[in-house]
Amino acid sequence: MSPVRCSTGAVEMPYYYACSYPLTSGSVVEKGNWGRMLRQELIGPGNAARLLREVVFEKVRLQCYPNRPSRFDCNFVCPTVESANQFVKSANRIFDLIYEVEFTDPNASQFETDWSLIKIPENLTLVQAESLAHQYWSPKNVNPMNKEILVASGIRILKRISTSRIT
């Protein structure tokens, strides 16, 4: 992975973002889009487990790891294109495109963790879901292919990396 010159002129390592909609270079994804969608979603049988997971993870973060960026108010990126591809493949996000991005605020709070610990809490007790949340917020020995970075910043699209279904 080689450094890139950001729009601000600074040089930093690139990050990678996956989403299902086409974006052009220069587009900005504001922080908190995931939280915005969760807050507006009606609670029902199809999404109650996902909403419960996010509430449990946020409760644990607020109680034990308050300096970490909230999943409700951040963007999620991967440190390498390989880890972004692994995320897209593992999550079966067949329509996702992968973009090289930069942070709009290079000084924003960041936190690196393991996205594979995000599981739907079906067939888990509340205690087990809270345990997963603690593991997520205090990761140990993260597989490089499962790394995600939560950043309390918007992200600017630099270029599209992939244009096809899961590779």
Foldseek 3Di string as FASTA:
>chain_A
DAWDQDPVRDTDQWWKAKDQDDDDFFDKDWFQPVLVVLVPDDDDPVCVLVNVLLVLLQVLCVVPPVLADRNRQWGKIARDPLLVLVVCVVVVVFRMWMFTKDFPDNPWHKDKFFQVLRDRQVVHDSVRSNVSSVCGSVPDPHDSSRIMMTTNTMIGTHGTDDDGTRD
